[in-house]
């Protein structure tokens, strides 16, 4: 006998759960959902399982809102504490509250389980729907793939996962040990550095104040030097301009004096030179004439020389 589907249950007539006059069994009244709820409630194991699931959801998602713990920062002063009022399940070897770790870890586990179930259900429904709708060789191929996946031994898969979990746990323990060792070595260094910084804070503040004062004084002196240099350059420029004007005037005076000298002294000299050249030319002409004439008496020569 096959199990009826939801649509078939919805098409069933409404039943009436009324006791018979003779005290016999009650008949069920309602829709298919009510029938399913009635059958579910009658199954005590299903009700217990639902209660466990609801408790896990409340514990993992509502619990952290009530029981607040720090699951991010470690506290080496609180590691491996026994159960107490502050820590009902104690703390682990890195200072985390165990109860809080259970809540946070349960959230991750439930989220992964729900997502995996939804993905598996969605993929399985689509896979089976395609295989059943198309049929033929595609249905045979898809079913053989499912059979090959189901043929993997569950025990072998669990052993592989257990080995991976053990290796991961050992790696986490080794990492935790290294982290604790490193933190134990780093904490004294950080404490010493903090003390050095606290001791040198006043000195650094004083040095910074002195540096600011020196900078201010140096800036003032630089401004004064710049102003003095600017004034000196301006004065030098004015003196250069004056010297240029004086030299220009002196050159003009020298030029004018030279012109006057040439006009007053050099012109008579040139005139006298011209006269002397004329006299020389005249004497040369006279000598040529005398050389060409016959010899005369001494008296006439004396007269010519006199003339």
Protein backbone atom coordinates (compact mmCIF):
# COMPACT_ATOMS: atom_id res chain seq x y z
CA UNK A 1 0.00 0.00 0.00
CA UNK A 2 1.54 3.32 -1.11
CA UNK A 3 1.57 6.47 1.01
CA UNK A 4 -0.91 9.13 -0.26
CA UNK A 5 0.53 12.43 -1.47
CA UNK A 6 -0.36 15.88 -0.12
CA UNK A 7 -2.69 16.64 -3.00
CA UNK A 8 -4.50 13.33 -2.45
CA UNK A 9 -4.79 14.09 1.26
CA UNK A 10 -6.24 17.54 0.47
CA UNK A 11 -8.86 15.92 -1.78
CA UNK A 12 -10.04 13.61 0.98
CA UNK A 13 -13.39 14.41 2.53
CA UNK A 14 -13.53 16.23 5.83
CA UNK A 15 -13.58 13.76 8.67
CA UNK A 16 -15.41 14.15 11.90
CA UNK A 17 -13.66 13.14 15.12
CA UNK A 18 -16.64 12.37 17.29
CA UNK A 19 -16.89 9.48 19.75
CA UNK A 20 -19.43 6.80 18.91
CA UNK A 21 -22.34 6.08 21.15
CA UNK A 22 -20.86 2.75 22.16
CA UNK A 23 -17.55 4.45 23.26
CA UNK A 24 -15.56 3.26 20.24
CA UNK A 25 -12.63 5.00 18.51
CA UNK A 26 -12.89 8.73 17.57
CA UNK A 27 -12.98 9.73 13.92
CA UNK A 28 -10.55 12.46 12.64
CA UNK A 29 -11.95 15.75 11.36
CA UNK A 30 -9.98 18.36 9.35
CA UNK A 31 -7.68 18.87 6.36
CA UNK A 32 -4.54 16.97 5.35
CA UNK A 33 -2.36 19.30 7.43
CA UNK A 34 -4.36 18.55 10.52
CA UNK A 35 -4.11 14.87 9.75
CA UNK A 36 -0.33 15.15 9.37
CA UNK A 37 -0.08 17.09 12.64
CA UNK A 38 -2.19 14.48 14.39
CA UNK A 39 0.00 11.66 13.08
CA UNK A 40 3.16 13.61 14.03
CA UNK A 41 1.95 14.20 17.58
CA UNK A 42 1.11 10.55 17.94
CA UNK A 43 4.77 9.71 17.16
CA UNK A 44 6.59 10.35 20.44
CA UNK A 45 10.08 9.97 18.95
CA UNK A 46 9.33 12.65 16.32
CA UNK A 47 8.04 15.01 19.01
CA UNK A 48 11.18 14.39 21.09
CA UNK A 49 13.40 15.03 18.07
CA UNK A 50 11.56 18.28 17.32
CA UNK A 51 12.03 19.34 20.93
CA UNK A 52 15.78 18.67 20.71
CA UNK A 53 16.05 20.68 17.48
CA UNK A 54 14.11 23.61 18.96
CA UNK A 55 16.25 23.49 22.09
CA UNK A 56 19.44 23.54 20.00
CA UNK A 57 18.19 26.54 18.04
CA UNK A 58 17.25 28.42 21.20
CA UNK A 59 20.52 27.48 22.89
CA UNK A 60 22.75 28.50 19.94
CA UNK A 61 20.93 31.61 18.67
CA UNK A 62 19.05 32.98 21.70
CA UNK A 63 21.58 31.92 24.34
CA UNK A 64 24.35 34.39 23.31
CA UNK A 65 21.84 37.24 23.64
CA UNK A 66 21.34 36.31 27.31
CA UNK A 67 24.73 34.86 28.28
CA UNK A 68 27.31 37.38 27.02
CA UNK A 69 30.92 36.18 26.53
CA UNK A 70 33.94 37.44 24.61
CA UNK A 71 34.74 34.87 21.93
CA UNK A 72 37.19 37.08 20.00
CA UNK A 73 39.88 38.28 22.43
CA UNK A 74 41.86 35.84 24.53
CA UNK A 75 42.70 36.34 28.20
CA UNK A 76 45.72 34.39 29.44
CA UNK A 77 44.77 35.11 33.05
CA UNK A 78 41.52 33.14 32.66
CA UNK A 79 42.73 29.92 31.01
CA UNK A 80 41.76 26.43 32.27
CA UNK A 81 39.49 27.73 35.05
CA UNK A 82 37.15 25.24 36.73
CA UNK A 83 33.34 25.64 36.50
CA UNK A 84 32.07 28.56 38.57
CA UNK A 85 29.26 31.11 38.67
CA UNK A 86 31.05 33.32 36.12
CA UNK A 87 31.91 30.34 33.91
CA UNK A 88 29.39 27.47 34.34
CA UNK A 89 31.48 25.09 32.22
CA UNK A 90 34.88 26.65 32.96
CA UNK A 91 37.36 28.02 30.40
CA UNK A 92 39.64 26.35 27.86
CA UNK A 93 43.43 26.54 27.56
CA UNK A 94 43.34 29.96 25.85
CA UNK A 95 40.86 31.67 28.18
CA UNK A 96 37.59 31.27 26.22
CA UNK A 97 34.37 30.47 28.07
CA UNK A 98 33.41 26.89 27.18
CA UNK A 99 29.66 27.49 27.35
CA UNK A 100 29.98 30.47 25.01
CA UNK A 101 32.17 28.40 22.68
CA UNK A 102 29.45 25.74 22.56
CA UNK A 103 26.88 28.37 21.58
CA UNK A 104 29.04 29.87 18.86
CA UNK A 105 30.11 26.48 17.56
CA UNK A 106 26.50 25.28 17.56
CA UNK A 107 25.50 28.25 15.41
CA UNK A 108 28.08 27.31 12.80
CA UNK A 109 27.12 23.63 12.88
CA UNK A 110 23.39 24.33 12.53
CA UNK A 111 23.95 26.84 9.72
CA UNK A 112 26.14 24.37 7.82
CA UNK A 113 23.64 21.55 8.39
CA UNK A 114 20.65 23.61 7.25
CA UNK A 115 22.46 24.94 4.18
CA UNK A 116 23.72 21.46 3.28
CA UNK A 117 20.23 19.97 3.70
CA UNK A 118 18.65 22.72 1.58
CA UNK A 119 21.29 22.34 -1.14
CA UNK A 120 21.02 18.56 -1.12
CA UNK A 121 17.20 18.70 -1.22
CA UNK A 122 17.16 21.29 -4.01
CA UNK A 123 19.77 19.45 -6.06
CA UNK A 124 18.14 16.07 -5.46
CA UNK A 125 14.69 17.33 -6.42
CA UNK A 126 15.97 18.95 -9.59
CA UNK A 127 18.08 15.89 -10.45
CA UNK A 128 15.20 13.48 -9.97
CA UNK A 129 12.71 15.77 -11.73
CA UNK A 130 14.94 16.07 -14.81
CA UNK A 131 15.59 12.31 -14.87
CA UNK A 132 11.90 11.46 -14.49
CA UNK A 133 10.67 14.12 -16.94
CA UNK A 134 13.13 13.34 -19.77
CA UNK A 135 13.47 9.58 -19.23
CA UNK A 136 15.22 7.34 -21.66
CA UNK A 137 18.98 7.15 -21.80
CA UNK A 138 19.37 10.37 -19.75
CA UNK A 139 17.38 8.83 -16.91
CA UNK A 140 19.56 5.71 -16.99
CA UNK A 141 22.78 7.80 -17.01
CA UNK A 142 21.68 10.01 -14.14
CA UNK A 143 20.58 7.04 -12.05
CA UNK A 144 23.90 5.27 -12.63
CA UNK A 145 25.70 8.39 -11.39
CA UNK A 146 23.55 8.34 -8.25
CA UNK A 147 24.27 4.62 -7.75
CA UNK A 148 28.02 5.25 -8.05
CA UNK A 149 27.79 7.98 -5.43
CA UNK A 150 25.80 5.72 -3.11
CA UNK A 151 28.31 2.90 -3.63
CA UNK A 152 30.98 4.76 -1.66
CA UNK A 153 31.20 2.98 1.70
CA UNK A 154 29.88 5.15 4.50
CA UNK A 155 32.37 3.70 6.98
CA UNK A 156 35.30 4.55 4.71
CA UNK A 157 34.03 8.11 4.32
CA UNK A 158 33.61 8.46 8.09
CA UNK A 159 37.15 7.17 8.65
CA UNK A 160 38.56 9.74 6.23
CA UNK A 161 36.59 12.54 7.89
CA UNK A 162 37.70 11.32 11.35
CA UNK A 163 41.35 11.31 10.25
CA UNK A 164 40.97 14.82 8.85
CA UNK A 165 39.32 15.97 12.08
CA UNK A 166 42.09 14.46 14.23
CA UNK A 167 44.75 16.08 12.07
CA UNK A 168 42.93 19.41 12.25
CA UNK A 169 42.59 19.12 16.02
CA UNK A 170 46.30 18.35 16.40
CA UNK A 171 47.15 21.31 14.18
CA UNK A 172 44.92 23.57 16.25
CA UNK A 173 46.52 22.37 19.48
CA UNK A 174 49.99 22.97 18.04
CA UNK A 175 48.95 26.40 16.82
CA UNK A 176 47.46 27.19 20.24
CA UNK A 177 50.67 26.10 21.96
CA UNK A 178 52.80 28.23 19.65
CA UNK A 179 50.47 31.18 20.09
CA UNK A 180 50.61 30.85 23.90
CA UNK A 181 54.40 30.56 23.82
CA UNK A 182 54.68 33.57 21.53
CA UNK A 183 52.30 35.58 23.68
CA UNK A 184 54.26 34.66 26.80
CA UNK A 185 57.44 35.97 25.17
CA UNK A 186 55.87 39.05 23.62
CA UNK A 187 53.96 40.26 26.70
CA UNK A 188 57.11 41.10 28.77
CA UNK A 189 58.59 42.93 25.79
CA UNK A 190 55.41 44.93 25.30
CA UNK A 191 55.27 45.70 29.03
CA UNK A 192 58.88 46.90 28.98
CA UNK A 193 58.26 49.01 25.88
CA UNK A 194 55.18 50.50 27.55
CA UNK A 195 57.21 51.45 30.62
CA UNK A 196 59.95 52.98 28.48
CA UNK A 197 57.38 55.01 26.57
CA UNK A 198 55.76 56.19 29.79
CA UNK A 199 59.14 57.22 31.22
CA UNK A 200 60.23 58.98 28.05
CA UNK A 201 56.90 60.70 27.41
CA UNK A 202 57.84 63.77 29.45
CA UNK A 203 61.27 63.95 27.84
CA UNK A 204 59.77 63.65 24.39
CA UNK A 205 57.25 66.39 25.23
CA UNK A 206 60.08 68.64 26.49
CA UNK A 207 62.19 67.96 23.41
CA UNK A 208 59.23 68.67 21.16
CA UNK A 209 58.60 71.95 23.01
CA UNK A 210 62.26 72.95 22.73
CA UNK A 211 62.25 71.99 19.06
CA UNK A 212 59.21 74.18 18.45
CA UNK A 213 60.87 77.12 20.25
CA UNK A 214 64.12 76.64 18.32
CA UNK A 215 62.16 76.47 15.10
CA UNK A 216 60.35 79.69 15.96
CA UNK A 217 63.62 81.50 16.82
CA UNK A 218 65.34 80.17 13.70
CA UNK A 219 62.42 81.33 11.59
CA UNK A 220 62.62 84.81 13.13
CA UNK A 221 66.36 84.98 12.54
CA UNK A 222 65.94 83.80 8.98
CA UNK A 223 63.35 86.51 8.39
CA UNK A 224 65.72 89.12 9.84
CA UNK A 225 68.62 87.88 7.70
CA UNK A 226 66.40 87.91 4.65
CA UNK A 227 65.31 91.47 5.43
CA UNK A 228 68.94 92.64 5.98
CA UNK A 229 70.11 90.95 2.78
CA UNK A 230 67.22 92.50 0.86
CA UNK A 231 68.05 95.96 2.20
CA UNK A 232 71.77 95.51 1.43
CA UNK A 233 70.98 94.37 -2.12
CA UNK A 234 68.69 97.37 -2.58
CA UNK A 235 71.38 99.75 -1.34
CA UNK A 236 73.98 98.08 -3.56
CA UNK A 237 71.66 98.44 -6.54
CA UNK A 238 71.22 102.15 -5.79
CA UNK A 239 75.00 102.62 -5.45
CA UNK A 240 75.58 100.77 -8.73
CA UNK A 241 73.04 103.03 -10.42
CA UNK A 242 74.75 106.11 -8.99
CA UNK A 243 78.21 104.87 -10.00
CA UNK A 244 76.90 104.20 -13.49
CA UNK A 245 75.52 107.71 -13.66
CA UNK A 246 78.83 109.18 -12.42
CA UNK A 247 80.86 107.12 -14.91
CA UNK A 248 78.52 108.12 -17.71
CA UNK A 249 78.91 111.82 -16.75
CA UNK A 250 82.70 111.48 -16.49
CA UNK A 251 82.88 109.83 -19.92
CA UNK A 252 80.76 112.62 -21.36
CA UNK A 253 83.09 115.25 -19.75
CA UNK A 254 86.19 113.45 -21.07
CA UNK A 255 84.64 113.22 -24.51
CA UNK A 256 83.77 116.90 -24.44
CA UNK A 257 87.27 117.84 -23.19
CA UNK A 258 88.85 115.78 -25.94
CA UNK A 259 86.69 117.49 -28.50
CA UNK A 260 87.69 120.91 -27.15
CA UNK A 261 91.34 119.86 -27.07
CA UNK A 262 91.21 118.81 -30.69
CA UNK A 263 89.46 122.02 -31.62
CA UNK A 264 91.82 124.38 -29.66
CA UNK A 265 95.25 122.72 -29.88
CA UNK A 266 95.24 120.14 -32.59
CA UNK A 267 93.86 122.46 -35.30
CA UNK A 268 96.72 125.05 -35.02
CA UNK A 269 99.22 122.21 -35.02
CA UNK A 270 97.69 120.84 -38.18
CA UNK A 271 97.70 124.30 -39.69
CA UNK A 272 101.40 124.83 -38.75
CA UNK A 273 102.17 121.39 -40.13
CA UNK A 274 100.44 122.32 -43.36
CA UNK A 275 102.45 125.57 -43.52
CA UNK A 276 105.69 123.69 -42.91
CA UNK A 277 104.81 121.21 -45.61
CA UNK A 278 104.13 124.16 -47.96
CA UNK A 279 107.48 125.74 -47.09
CA UNK A 280 109.23 122.45 -47.65
CA UNK A 281 107.53 122.02 -51.00
CA UNK A 282 108.58 125.60 -51.93
CA UNK A 283 112.18 125.01 -50.95
CA UNK A 284 112.22 121.78 -52.93
CA UNK A 285 110.97 123.64 -55.97
CA UNK A 286 113.63 126.36 -55.53
CA UNK A 287 116.40 123.80 -55.24
CA UNK A 288 115.28 122.13 -58.44
CA UNK A 289 115.28 125.47 -60.19
CA UNK A 290 118.75 126.32 -58.93
CA UNK A 291 120.04 123.00 -60.06
CA UNK A 292 118.71 123.63 -63.53
CA UNK A 293 120.24 127.27 -63.87
CA UNK A 294 123.88 128.01 -64.87
CA UNK A 295 126.32 129.07 -62.26
CA UNK A 296 126.24 132.81 -61.52
CA UNK A 297 128.37 135.09 -59.63
CA UNK A 298 128.54 134.90 -55.91
CA UNK A 299 126.73 138.16 -55.42
CA UNK A 300 123.65 137.00 -57.31
CA UNK A 301 123.69 133.72 -55.46
CA UNK A 302 123.81 135.55 -52.17
CA UNK A 303 120.88 137.66 -53.25
CA UNK A 304 118.91 134.61 -54.26
CA UNK A 305 119.71 132.94 -51.01
CA UNK A 306 118.71 136.07 -49.20
CA UNK A 307 115.49 136.17 -51.09
